[in-house]
Amino acid sequence: MCMRVASGGSERSAAFSACVKIQVQHAVRLSGRSLRLHEAGQKMWIQTLSPDLPVPASFFCVVKTWFITGTDTGAGKTVLTSLLARYLYELGLRVAALKPVCSGGRDDARLLFNAIDGSLTMDEINPWYFQAAIAPTLAARQENKSVSRRAVHAHIQNWREKSEAILVEGAGGLLSPLGVKFNSRDLIVDLDATPIIVAPDKLGVVNQLLLTLEALSAKTTAKARIVLVSPATPDTATGSNAGLLAESFPAKRTFSLPWLGKPYSPEEVVRRPDIRQMLQQVLEM
């Protein structure tokens, strides 16, 4: 996991505040550009802005991994991921926005590519892609290919070590098969990621969200966020689902994203104060 020293008094520091602090009793002086630590068998890095910088230990934090999943395909995962990616990118962070597996074309990956101004290549964002617009594991079989859990995890881990913020977007819903005997839930567990569940704000979504939360462990549910995306055509339940959901899930971890239209520009959308505030809150909780 990549680690970095937090700076104060800005949206950038607010993004860093979402990190998990490492408990160290005393401040340390870092000699050179980085210091390696080992915790729970994982290599972690603390990167400093300048050599020999005395840093209070309370500023050390592990960069989190956010995993964007959904209740279904077409829920709005890529819309949210592209906005989060653009928001973090404009804060000056080295952000990796990944859509490791997709099928039916690479439009989602292109949106992420554009959101971070091409700072990662298409193949770095989306190394496994298949033509048929069906579940990725079935689309892969049609091309006599397969995707392994280990390979996907290794790809994401590689970018964790190079980046300051990691966004991973799944395909389909939480339990939709991504490859050989694994799904988004498996990757969330492997990465100890914070899940962001995206769902359309329409009739029936509360049931879908509660089933999705039920499929997660209690530990993972405790840090999950939900983002309700307004549909192009609201129905009788649009706008009321958040209140009903609050009876079963903390309201402070439920957010709403208005309909943005098509096409939309992440660069323009994140300039809106209401959107910017929502994105910051999703990341820093």
C-alpha atoms as a PDB file:
ATOM      1  CA  MET A   1       0.000   0.000   0.000  1.00  0.00           C
ATOM      2  CA  CYS A   2       1.253   3.438  -0.839  1.00  0.00           C
ATOM      3  CA  MET A   3       1.563   5.867   2.030  1.00  0.00           C
ATOM      4  CA  ARG A   4       1.999   9.593   2.128  1.00  0.00           C
ATOM      5  CA  VAL A   5       2.318  12.510   4.505  1.00  0.00           C
ATOM      6  CA  ALA A   6      -0.867  14.542   4.814  1.00  0.00           C
ATOM      7  CA  SER A   7      -0.856  18.285   4.285  1.00  0.00           C
ATOM      8  CA  GLY A   8      -3.286  20.547   6.078  1.00  0.00           C
ATOM      9  CA  GLY A   9      -6.058  22.994   5.381  1.00  0.00           C
ATOM     10  CA  SER A  10      -7.417  21.931   1.984  1.00  0.00           C
ATOM     11  CA  GLU A  11      -9.607  19.468   0.120  1.00  0.00           C
ATOM     12  CA  ARG A  12      -6.380  17.576  -0.534  1.00  0.00           C
ATOM     13  CA  SER A  13      -5.800  17.068   3.189  1.00  0.00           C
ATOM     14  CA  ALA A  14      -9.465  16.102   3.586  1.00  0.00           C
ATOM     15  CA  ALA A  15      -8.909  13.357   1.032  1.00  0.00           C
ATOM     16  CA  PHE A  16      -5.872  12.179   2.984  1.00  0.00           C
ATOM     17  CA  SER A  17      -7.898  12.220   6.203  1.00  0.00           C
ATOM     18  CA  ALA A  18      -9.848   9.285   4.798  1.00  0.00           C
ATOM     19  CA  CYS A  19      -6.727   7.171   5.248  1.00  0.00           C
ATOM     20  CA  VAL A  20      -6.249   4.768   8.123  1.00  0.00           C
ATOM     21  CA  LYS A  21      -3.718   6.175  10.568  1.00  0.00           C
ATOM     22  CA  ILE A  22      -0.849   3.999  11.746  1.00  0.00           C
ATOM     23  CA  GLN A  23      -0.259   4.192  15.475  1.00  0.00           C
ATOM     24  CA  VAL A  24       3.332   5.243  16.140  1.00  0.00           C
ATOM     25  CA  GLN A  25       4.295   6.700  19.507  1.00  0.00           C
ATOM     26  CA  HIS A  26       6.897   9.208  18.406  1.00  0.00           C
ATOM     27  CA  ALA A  27       7.586  11.466  15.484  1.00  0.00           C
ATOM     28  CA  VAL A  28      10.389  10.251  13.240  1.00  0.00           C
ATOM     29  CA  ARG A  29      12.851  11.853  10.907  1.00  0.00           C
ATOM     30  CA  LEU A  30      12.804  10.380   7.433  1.00  0.00           C
ATOM     31  CA  SER A  31      16.185  10.112   5.795  1.00  0.00           C
ATOM     32  CA  GLY A  32      15.949  10.244   2.013  1.00  0.00           C
ATOM     33  CA  ARG A  33      12.735  10.077   0.006  1.00  0.00           C
ATOM     34  CA  SER A  34      11.008   7.099   1.595  1.00  0.00           C
ATOM     35  CA  LEU A  35      10.876   4.716   4.506  1.00  0.00           C
ATOM     36  CA  ARG A  36       9.713   1.116   4.216  1.00  0.00           C
ATOM     37  CA  LEU A  37       7.481  -0.356   6.872  1.00  0.00           C
ATOM     38  CA  HIS A  38       6.080  -3.837   7.204  1.00  0.00           C
ATOM     39  CA  GLU A  39       2.691  -4.437   8.778  1.00  0.00           C
ATOM     40  CA  ALA A  40       0.568  -7.581   8.526  1.00  0.00           C
ATOM     41  CA  GLY A  41       2.999  -8.940   5.967  1.00  0.00           C
ATOM     42  CA  GLN A  42       2.455  -6.117   3.475  1.00  0.00           C
ATOM     43  CA  LYS A  43       5.068  -3.709   2.211  1.00  0.00           C
ATOM     44  CA  MET A  44       4.021  -0.107   2.754  1.00  0.00           C
ATOM     45  CA  TRP A  45       5.714   3.127   1.857  1.00  0.00           C
ATOM     46  CA  ILE A  46       5.783   6.513   3.498  1.00  0.00           C
ATOM     47  CA  GLN A  47       6.701   9.114   0.893  1.00  0.00           C
ATOM     48  CA  THR A  48       7.880  12.544   1.935  1.00  0.00           C
ATOM     49  CA  LEU A  49       7.797  15.777   0.027  1.00  0.00           C
ATOM     50  CA  SER A  50      11.454  16.496   0.749  1.00  0.00           C
ATOM     51  CA  PRO A  51      14.433  14.606   2.192  1.00  0.00           C
ATOM     52  CA  ASP A  52      15.129  14.694   5.944  1.00  0.00           C
ATOM     53  CA  LEU A  53      11.722  16.126   6.727  1.00  0.00           C
ATOM     54  CA  PRO A  54      10.676  15.742  10.388  1.00  0.00           C
ATOM     55  CA  VAL A  55       7.125  14.414  10.269  1.00  0.00           C
ATOM     56  CA  PRO A  56       4.692  14.014  13.196  1.00  0.00           C
ATOM     57  CA  ALA A  57       3.707  10.361  13.341  1.00  0.00           C
ATOM     58  CA  SER A  58       0.031  11.304  13.457  1.00  0.00           C
ATOM     59  CA  PHE A  59       0.282  12.368   9.815  1.00  0.00           C
ATOM     60  CA  PHE A  60       1.169   8.900   8.567  1.00  0.00           C
ATOM     61  CA  CYS A  61      -1.776   7.276   6.814  1.00  0.00           C
ATOM     62  CA  VAL A  62      -2.399   4.334   4.549  1.00  0.00           C
ATOM     63  CA  VAL A  63      -4.028   5.243   1.268  1.00  0.00           C
ATOM     64  CA  LYS A  64      -7.368   3.518   1.002  1.00  0.00           C
ATOM     65  CA  THR A  65      -8.777   1.518  -1.854  1.00  0.00           C
ATOM     66  CA  TRP A  66     -12.363   2.322  -2.827  1.00  0.00           C
ATOM     67  CA  PHE A  67     -14.275  -0.343  -4.735  1.00  0.00           C
ATOM     68  CA  ILE A  68     -17.265   0.898  -6.722  1.00  0.00           C
ATOM     69  CA  THR A  69     -19.893  -1.802  -7.134  1.00  0.00           C
ATOM     70  CA  GLY A  70     -23.612  -1.684  -7.747  1.00  0.00           C
ATOM     71  CA  THR A  71     -26.972  -3.362  -7.466  1.00  0.00           C
ATOM     72  CA  ASP A  72     -26.981  -4.197 -11.171  1.00  0.00           C
ATOM     73  CA  THR A  73     -25.481  -3.356 -14.523  1.00  0.00           C
ATOM     74  CA  GLY A  74     -26.262   0.159 -15.688  1.00  0.00           C
ATOM     75  CA  ALA A  75     -26.643   1.427 -12.115  1.00  0.00           C
ATOM     76  CA  GLY A  76     -24.283   4.364 -12.621  1.00  0.00           C
ATOM     77  CA  LYS A  77     -20.982   2.899 -11.387  1.00  0.00           C
ATOM     78  CA  THR A  78     -18.874   4.416 -14.167  1.00  0.00           C
ATOM     79  CA  VAL A  79     -20.509   7.823 -13.795  1.00  0.00           C
ATOM     80  CA  LEU A  80     -19.602   7.927 -10.116  1.00  0.00           C
ATOM     81  CA  THR A  81     -16.131   6.422 -10.616  1.00  0.00           C
ATOM     82  CA  SER A  82     -15.290   8.981 -13.296  1.00  0.00           C
ATOM     83  CA  LEU A  83     -16.400  11.841 -11.027  1.00  0.00           C
ATOM     84  CA  LEU A  84     -14.420  10.516  -8.055  1.00  0.00           C
ATOM     85  CA  ALA A  85     -11.390  10.020 -10.291  1.00  0.00           C
ATOM     86  CA  ARG A  86     -11.611  13.549 -11.686  1.00  0.00           C
ATOM     87  CA  TYR A  87     -12.098  15.018  -8.218  1.00  0.00           C
ATOM     88  CA  LEU A  88      -9.003  13.268  -6.830  1.00  0.00           C
ATOM     89  CA  TYR A  89      -7.004  14.017  -9.970  1.00  0.00           C
ATOM     90  CA  GLU A  90      -7.756  17.730  -9.666  1.00  0.00           C
ATOM     91  CA  LEU A  91      -6.523  17.636  -6.075  1.00  0.00           C
ATOM     92  CA  GLY A  92      -3.145  16.729  -7.531  1.00  0.00           C
ATOM     93  CA  LEU A  93      -3.121  13.130  -6.319  1.00  0.00           C
ATOM     94  CA  ARG A  94      -1.666  10.232  -8.278  1.00  0.00           C
ATOM     95  CA  VAL A  95      -4.951   8.441  -8.807  1.00  0.00           C
ATOM     96  CA  ALA A  96      -5.414   5.043 -10.423  1.00  0.00           C
ATOM     97  CA  ALA A  97      -8.956   4.588 -11.724  1.00  0.00           C
ATOM     98  CA  LEU A  98      -9.268   0.949 -12.741  1.00  0.00           C
ATOM     99  CA  LYS A  99     -11.949  -1.082 -14.487  1.00  0.00           C
ATOM    100  CA  PRO A 100     -10.016  -4.357 -14.543  1.00  0.00           C
ATOM    101  CA  VAL A 101     -12.664  -6.460 -16.300  1.00  0.00           C
ATOM    102  CA  CYS A 102     -15.372  -5.450 -18.769  1.00  0.00           C
ATOM    103  CA  SER A 103     -17.394  -6.875 -21.630  1.00  0.00           C
ATOM    104  CA  GLY A 104     -19.410  -5.403 -24.470  1.00  0.00           C
ATOM    105  CA  GLY A 105     -16.850  -2.743 -25.381  1.00  0.00           C
ATOM    106  CA  ARG A 106     -14.546  -0.370 -23.522  1.00  0.00           C
ATOM    107  CA  ASP A 107     -16.688   2.754 -23.251  1.00  0.00           C
ATOM    108  CA  ASP A 108     -16.530   2.677 -19.448  1.00  0.00           C
ATOM    109  CA  ALA A 109     -12.742   2.445 -19.490  1.00  0.00           C
ATOM    110  CA  ARG A 110     -12.546   5.372 -21.924  1.00  0.00           C
ATOM    111  CA  LEU A 111     -14.566   7.521 -19.536  1.00  0.00           C
ATOM    112  CA  LEU A 112     -12.077   6.757 -16.769  1.00  0.00           C
ATOM    113  CA  PHE A 113      -9.174   7.362 -19.156  1.00  0.00           C
ATOM    114  CA  ASN A 114     -10.550  10.799 -20.000  1.00  0.00           C
ATOM    115  CA  ALA A 115     -11.368  11.616 -16.369  1.00  0.00           C
ATOM    116  CA  ILE A 116      -7.689  11.381 -15.416  1.00  0.00           C
ATOM    117  CA  ASP A 117      -6.439  12.995 -18.636  1.00  0.00           C
ATOM    118  CA  GLY A 118      -4.883   9.774 -19.898  1.00  0.00           C
ATOM    119  CA  SER A 119      -2.433   9.471 -16.996  1.00  0.00           C
ATOM    120  CA  LEU A 120      -2.941   5.701 -17.264  1.00  0.00           C
ATOM    121  CA  THR A 121      -3.187   3.874 -20.555  1.00  0.00           C
ATOM    122  CA  MET A 122      -6.348   2.065 -21.586  1.00  0.00           C
ATOM    123  CA  ASP A 123      -4.673  -1.297 -21.008  1.00  0.00           C
ATOM    124  CA  GLU A 124      -3.563  -0.223 -17.537  1.00  0.00           C
ATOM    125  CA  ILE A 125      -7.100   0.848 -16.670  1.00  0.00           C
ATOM    126  CA  ASN A 126      -8.767  -2.122 -18.347  1.00  0.00           C
ATOM    127  CA  PRO A 127      -6.468  -5.098 -19.040  1.00  0.00           C
ATOM    128  CA  TRP A 128      -9.254  -7.676 -19.526  1.00  0.00           C
ATOM    129  CA  TYR A 129     -11.982  -6.799 -22.031  1.00  0.00           C
ATOM    130  CA  PHE A 130     -14.248  -8.914 -24.182  1.00  0.00           C
ATOM    131  CA  GLN A 131     -16.584  -8.180 -27.083  1.00  0.00           C
ATOM    132  CA  ALA A 132     -19.850  -9.891 -26.144  1.00  0.00           C
ATOM    133  CA  ALA A 133     -22.220  -7.786 -24.031  1.00  0.00           C
ATOM    134  CA  ILE A 134     -22.795 -10.527 -21.462  1.00  0.00           C
ATOM    135  CA  ALA A 135     -21.230 -11.395 -18.101  1.00  0.00           C
ATOM    136  CA  PRO A 136     -17.435 -11.067 -18.445  1.00  0.00           C
ATOM    137  CA  THR A 137     -16.750 -14.676 -17.524  1.00  0.00           C
ATOM    138  CA  LEU A 138     -19.111 -15.887 -20.284  1.00  0.00           C
ATOM    139  CA  ALA A 139     -17.740 -13.360 -22.770  1.00  0.00           C
ATOM    140  CA  ALA A 140     -14.218 -14.586 -21.989  1.00  0.00           C
ATOM    141  CA  ARG A 141     -15.222 -18.196 -22.660  1.00  0.00           C
ATOM    142  CA  GLN A 142     -16.549 -17.235 -26.081  1.00  0.00           C
ATOM    143  CA  GLU A 143     -13.037 -16.017 -26.892  1.00  0.00           C
ATOM    144  CA  ASN A 144     -11.392 -19.082 -25.307  1.00  0.00           C
ATOM    145  CA  LYS A 145      -9.939 -16.907 -22.555  1.00  0.00           C
ATOM    146  CA  SER A 146     -10.243 -16.712 -18.793  1.00  0.00           C
ATOM    147  CA  VAL A 147      -9.628 -14.222 -16.001  1.00  0.00           C
ATOM    148  CA  SER A 148      -8.191 -15.337 -12.670  1.00  0.00           C
ATOM    149  CA  ARG A 149      -8.746 -13.758  -9.291  1.00  0.00           C
ATOM    150  CA  ARG A 150      -5.028 -13.827  -8.597  1.00  0.00           C
ATOM    151  CA  ALA A 151      -4.158 -11.955 -11.796  1.00  0.00           C
ATOM    152  CA  VAL A 152      -6.732  -9.223 -11.185  1.00  0.00           C
ATOM    153  CA  HIS A 153      -5.616  -8.804  -7.582  1.00  0.00           C
ATOM    154  CA  ALA A 154      -1.971  -8.575  -8.665  1.00  0.00           C
ATOM    155  CA  HIS A 155      -2.801  -5.890 -11.227  1.00  0.00           C
ATOM    156  CA  ILE A 156      -4.637  -3.772  -8.655  1.00  0.00           C
ATOM    157  CA  GLN A 157      -1.926  -4.301  -6.052  1.00  0.00           C
ATOM    158  CA  ASN A 158       0.682  -3.109  -8.526  1.00  0.00           C
ATOM    159  CA  TRP A 159      -1.160   0.212  -8.843  1.00  0.00           C
ATOM    160  CA  ARG A 160      -1.662   0.483  -5.094  1.00  0.00           C
ATOM    161  CA  GLU A 161       2.094   0.635  -4.739  1.00  0.00           C
ATOM    162  CA  LYS A 162       2.397   3.399  -7.344  1.00  0.00           C
ATOM    163  CA  SER A 163      -0.568   5.590  -6.461  1.00  0.00           C
ATOM    164  CA  GLU A 164      -1.970   7.857  -3.789  1.00  0.00           C
ATOM    165  CA  ALA A 165      -5.609   6.995  -4.410  1.00  0.00           C
ATOM    166  CA  ILE A 166      -7.127   3.832  -5.872  1.00  0.00           C
ATOM    167  CA  LEU A 167     -10.580   3.479  -7.381  1.00  0.00           C
ATOM    168  CA  VAL A 168     -11.612   0.049  -8.642  1.00  0.00           C
ATOM    169  CA  GLU A 169     -14.865  -0.359 -10.562  1.00  0.00           C
ATOM    170  CA  GLY A 170     -16.501  -3.741 -10.800  1.00  0.00           C
ATOM    171  CA  ALA A 171     -18.751  -5.052 -13.565  1.00  0.00           C
ATOM    172  CA  GLY A 172     -22.448  -5.696 -13.047  1.00  0.00           C
ATOM    173  CA  GLY A 173     -23.673  -6.242  -9.506  1.00  0.00           C
ATOM    174  CA  LEU A 174     -21.742  -7.288  -6.417  1.00  0.00           C
ATOM    175  CA  LEU A 175     -22.049 -11.030  -7.073  1.00  0.00           C
ATOM    176  CA  SER A 176     -21.851 -10.962 -10.872  1.00  0.00           C
ATOM    177  CA  PRO A 177     -19.054 -13.347 -11.937  1.00  0.00           C
ATOM    178  CA  LEU A 178     -15.974 -11.458 -13.140  1.00  0.00           C
ATOM    179  CA  GLY A 179     -13.836 -14.478 -13.948  1.00  0.00           C
ATOM    180  CA  VAL A 180     -13.057 -17.995 -12.817  1.00  0.00           C
ATOM    181  CA  LYS A 181     -14.963 -18.465  -9.555  1.00  0.00           C
ATOM    182  CA  PHE A 182     -14.697 -14.881  -8.277  1.00  0.00           C
ATOM    183  CA  ASN A 183     -16.744 -11.709  -8.177  1.00  0.00           C
ATOM    184  CA  SER A 184     -16.547  -8.129  -6.884  1.00  0.00           C
ATOM    185  CA  ARG A 185     -17.198  -9.232  -3.306  1.00  0.00           C
ATOM    186  CA  ASP A 186     -14.128 -11.456  -3.427  1.00  0.00           C
ATOM    187  CA  LEU A 187     -11.953  -8.560  -4.607  1.00  0.00           C
ATOM    188  CA  ILE A 188     -13.336  -6.239  -1.923  1.00  0.00           C
ATOM    189  CA  VAL A 189     -12.291  -8.811   0.682  1.00  0.00           C
ATOM    190  CA  ASP A 190      -8.891  -9.442  -0.915  1.00  0.00           C
ATOM    191  CA  LEU A 191      -8.121  -5.712  -1.052  1.00  0.00           C
ATOM    192  CA  ASP A 192      -9.765  -4.804   2.259  1.00  0.00           C
ATOM    193  CA  ALA A 193     -11.414  -2.104   0.171  1.00  0.00           C
ATOM    194  CA  THR A 194     -14.150   0.326   1.136  1.00  0.00           C
ATOM    195  CA  PRO A 195     -17.209  -0.529  -0.965  1.00  0.00           C
ATOM    196  CA  ILE A 196     -19.275   2.200  -2.581  1.00  0.00           C
ATOM    197  CA  ILE A 197     -22.577   0.720  -3.717  1.00  0.00           C
ATOM    198  CA  VAL A 198     -24.241   2.574  -6.585  1.00  0.00           C
ATOM    199  CA  ALA A 199     -27.944   2.139  -7.252  1.00  0.00           C
ATOM    200  CA  PRO A 200     -30.635   3.874  -9.307  1.00  0.00           C
ATOM    201  CA  ASP A 201     -33.003   5.909  -7.133  1.00  0.00           C
ATOM    202  CA  LYS A 202     -36.186   4.197  -8.262  1.00  0.00           C
ATOM    203  CA  LEU A 203     -38.917   1.859  -7.061  1.00  0.00           C
ATOM    204  CA  GLY A 204     -37.568  -1.438  -5.693  1.00  0.00           C
ATOM    205  CA  VAL A 205     -34.030  -0.241  -5.019  1.00  0.00           C
ATOM    206  CA  VAL A 206     -34.248  -0.507  -1.232  1.00  0.00           C
ATOM    207  CA  ASN A 207     -34.753  -4.269  -1.499  1.00  0.00           C
ATOM    208  CA  GLN A 208     -31.843  -4.549  -3.936  1.00  0.00           C
ATOM    209  CA  LEU A 209     -29.581  -2.516  -1.663  1.00  0.00           C
ATOM    210  CA  LEU A 210     -30.446  -4.475   1.450  1.00  0.00           C
ATOM    211  CA  LEU A 211     -29.756  -7.741  -0.376  1.00  0.00           C
ATOM    212  CA  THR A 212     -26.404  -6.356  -1.540  1.00  0.00           C
ATOM    213  CA  LEU A 213     -25.500  -5.285   1.998  1.00  0.00           C
ATOM    214  CA  GLU A 214     -26.593  -8.700   3.307  1.00  0.00           C
ATOM    215  CA  ALA A 215     -24.073 -10.321   0.974  1.00  0.00           C
ATOM    216  CA  LEU A 216     -21.221  -8.365   2.588  1.00  0.00           C
ATOM    217  CA  SER A 217     -19.619  -9.209   5.911  1.00  0.00           C
ATOM    218  CA  ALA A 218     -20.511  -7.119   8.958  1.00  0.00           C
ATOM    219  CA  LYS A 219     -16.999  -5.653   8.938  1.00  0.00           C
ATOM    220  CA  THR A 220     -17.301  -4.555   5.316  1.00  0.00           C
ATOM    221  CA  THR A 221     -20.855  -3.270   5.691  1.00  0.00           C
ATOM    222  CA  ALA A 222     -19.692  -1.089   8.588  1.00  0.00           C
ATOM    223  CA  LYS A 223     -17.582   1.011   6.220  1.00  0.00           C
ATOM    224  CA  ALA A 224     -19.755   0.807   3.093  1.00  0.00           C
ATOM    225  CA  ARG A 225     -21.287   3.851   1.413  1.00  0.00           C
ATOM    226  CA  ILE A 226     -24.352   4.018  -0.814  1.00  0.00           C
ATOM    227  CA  VAL A 227     -24.873   6.438  -3.688  1.00  0.00           C
ATOM    228  CA  LEU A 228     -28.381   6.739  -5.123  1.00  0.00           C
ATOM    229  CA  VAL A 229     -28.347   7.985  -8.710  1.00  0.00           C
ATOM    230  CA  SER A 230     -31.403   9.818  -9.968  1.00  0.00           C
ATOM    231  CA  PRO A 231     -32.763   8.247 -13.182  1.00  0.00           C
ATOM    232  CA  ALA A 232     -33.420  10.196 -16.361  1.00  0.00           C
ATOM    233  CA  THR A 233     -37.130   9.702 -15.753  1.00  0.00           C
ATOM    234  CA  PRO A 234     -37.999   9.757 -12.032  1.00  0.00           C
ATOM    235  CA  ASP A 235     -40.698   7.406 -10.739  1.00  0.00           C
ATOM    236  CA  THR A 236     -42.945   7.571  -7.685  1.00  0.00           C
ATOM    237  CA  ALA A 237     -40.157   6.337  -5.370  1.00  0.00           C
ATOM    238  CA  THR A 238     -37.370   8.658  -6.578  1.00  0.00           C
ATOM    239  CA  GLY A 239     -36.347  10.935  -3.744  1.00  0.00           C
ATOM    240  CA  SER A 240     -37.956   8.857  -1.003  1.00  0.00           C
ATOM    241  CA  ASN A 241     -35.686   5.811  -1.011  1.00  0.00           C
ATOM    242  CA  ALA A 242     -32.953   7.415   1.091  1.00  0.00           C
ATOM    243  CA  GLY A 243     -35.390   8.037   3.931  1.00  0.00           C
ATOM    244  CA  LEU A 244     -36.700   4.476   3.882  1.00  0.00           C
ATOM    245  CA  LEU A 245     -33.172   3.077   3.648  1.00  0.00           C
ATOM    246  CA  ALA A 246     -32.199   5.106   6.732  1.00  0.00           C
ATOM    247  CA  GLU A 247     -34.322   2.737   8.811  1.00  0.00           C
ATOM    248  CA  SER A 248     -31.793  -0.030   8.051  1.00  0.00           C
ATOM    249  CA  PHE A 249     -28.556   1.756   7.085  1.00  0.00           C
ATOM    250  CA  PRO A 250     -26.868   4.888   8.512  1.00  0.00           C
ATOM    251  CA  ALA A 251     -28.153   7.996   6.739  1.00  0.00           C
ATOM    252  CA  LYS A 252     -24.731   9.670   7.026  1.00  0.00           C
ATOM    253  CA  ARG A 253     -23.318   7.045   4.648  1.00  0.00           C
ATOM    254  CA  THR A 254     -26.001   7.433   2.006  1.00  0.00           C
ATOM    255  CA  PHE A 255     -25.578  10.041  -0.735  1.00  0.00           C
ATOM    256  CA  SER A 256     -27.510  11.220  -3.769  1.00  0.00           C
ATOM    257  CA  LEU A 257     -26.248  12.019  -7.252  1.00  0.00           C
ATOM    258  CA  PRO A 258     -28.572  13.932  -9.588  1.00  0.00           C
ATOM    259  CA  TRP A 259     -29.136  12.947 -13.194  1.00  0.00           C
ATOM    260  CA  LEU A 260     -26.294  14.498 -15.199  1.00  0.00           C
ATOM    261  CA  GLY A 261     -27.580  13.840 -18.697  1.00  0.00           C
ATOM    262  CA  LYS A 262     -25.708  12.267 -21.607  1.00  0.00           C
ATOM    263  CA  PRO A 263     -23.053  12.987 -22.554  1.00  0.00           C
ATOM    264  CA  TYR A 264     -21.529  14.586 -19.480  1.00  0.00           C
ATOM    265  CA  SER A 265     -18.062  15.942 -18.723  1.00  0.00           C
ATOM    266  CA  PRO A 266     -16.510  14.881 -15.386  1.00  0.00           C
ATOM    267  CA  GLU A 267     -14.268  17.954 -15.579  1.00  0.00           C
ATOM    268  CA  GLU A 268     -17.289  20.260 -15.762  1.00  0.00           C
ATOM    269  CA  VAL A 269     -19.475  18.332 -13.314  1.00  0.00           C
ATOM    270  CA  VAL A 270     -16.913  18.355 -10.473  1.00  0.00           C
ATOM    271  CA  ARG A 271     -16.855  22.161 -10.632  1.00  0.00           C
ATOM    272  CA  ARG A 272     -20.375  22.189  -9.241  1.00  0.00           C
ATOM    273  CA  PRO A 273     -20.181  22.938  -5.486  1.00  0.00           C
ATOM    274  CA  ASP A 274     -22.936  20.444  -4.592  1.00  0.00           C
ATOM    275  CA  ILE A 275     -21.250  17.616  -6.511  1.00  0.00           C
ATOM    276  CA  ARG A 276     -17.811  18.474  -5.158  1.00  0.00           C
ATOM    277  CA  GLN A 277     -19.082  18.459  -1.592  1.00  0.00           C
ATOM    278  CA  MET A 278     -20.811  15.110  -2.086  1.00  0.00           C
ATOM    279  CA  LEU A 279     -17.674  13.512  -3.569  1.00  0.00           C
ATOM    280  CA  GLN A 280     -15.549  14.777  -0.697  1.00  0.00           C
ATOM    281  CA  GLN A 281     -17.990  13.372   1.840  1.00  0.00           C
ATOM    282  CA  VAL A 282     -18.126   9.983   0.121  1.00  0.00           C
ATOM    283  CA  LEU A 283     -14.339   9.703   0.277  1.00  0.00           C
ATOM    284  CA  GLU A 284     -13.618  11.082   3.711  1.00  0.00           C
ATOM    285  CA  MET A 285     -16.132   9.239   5.892  1.00  0.00           C
END
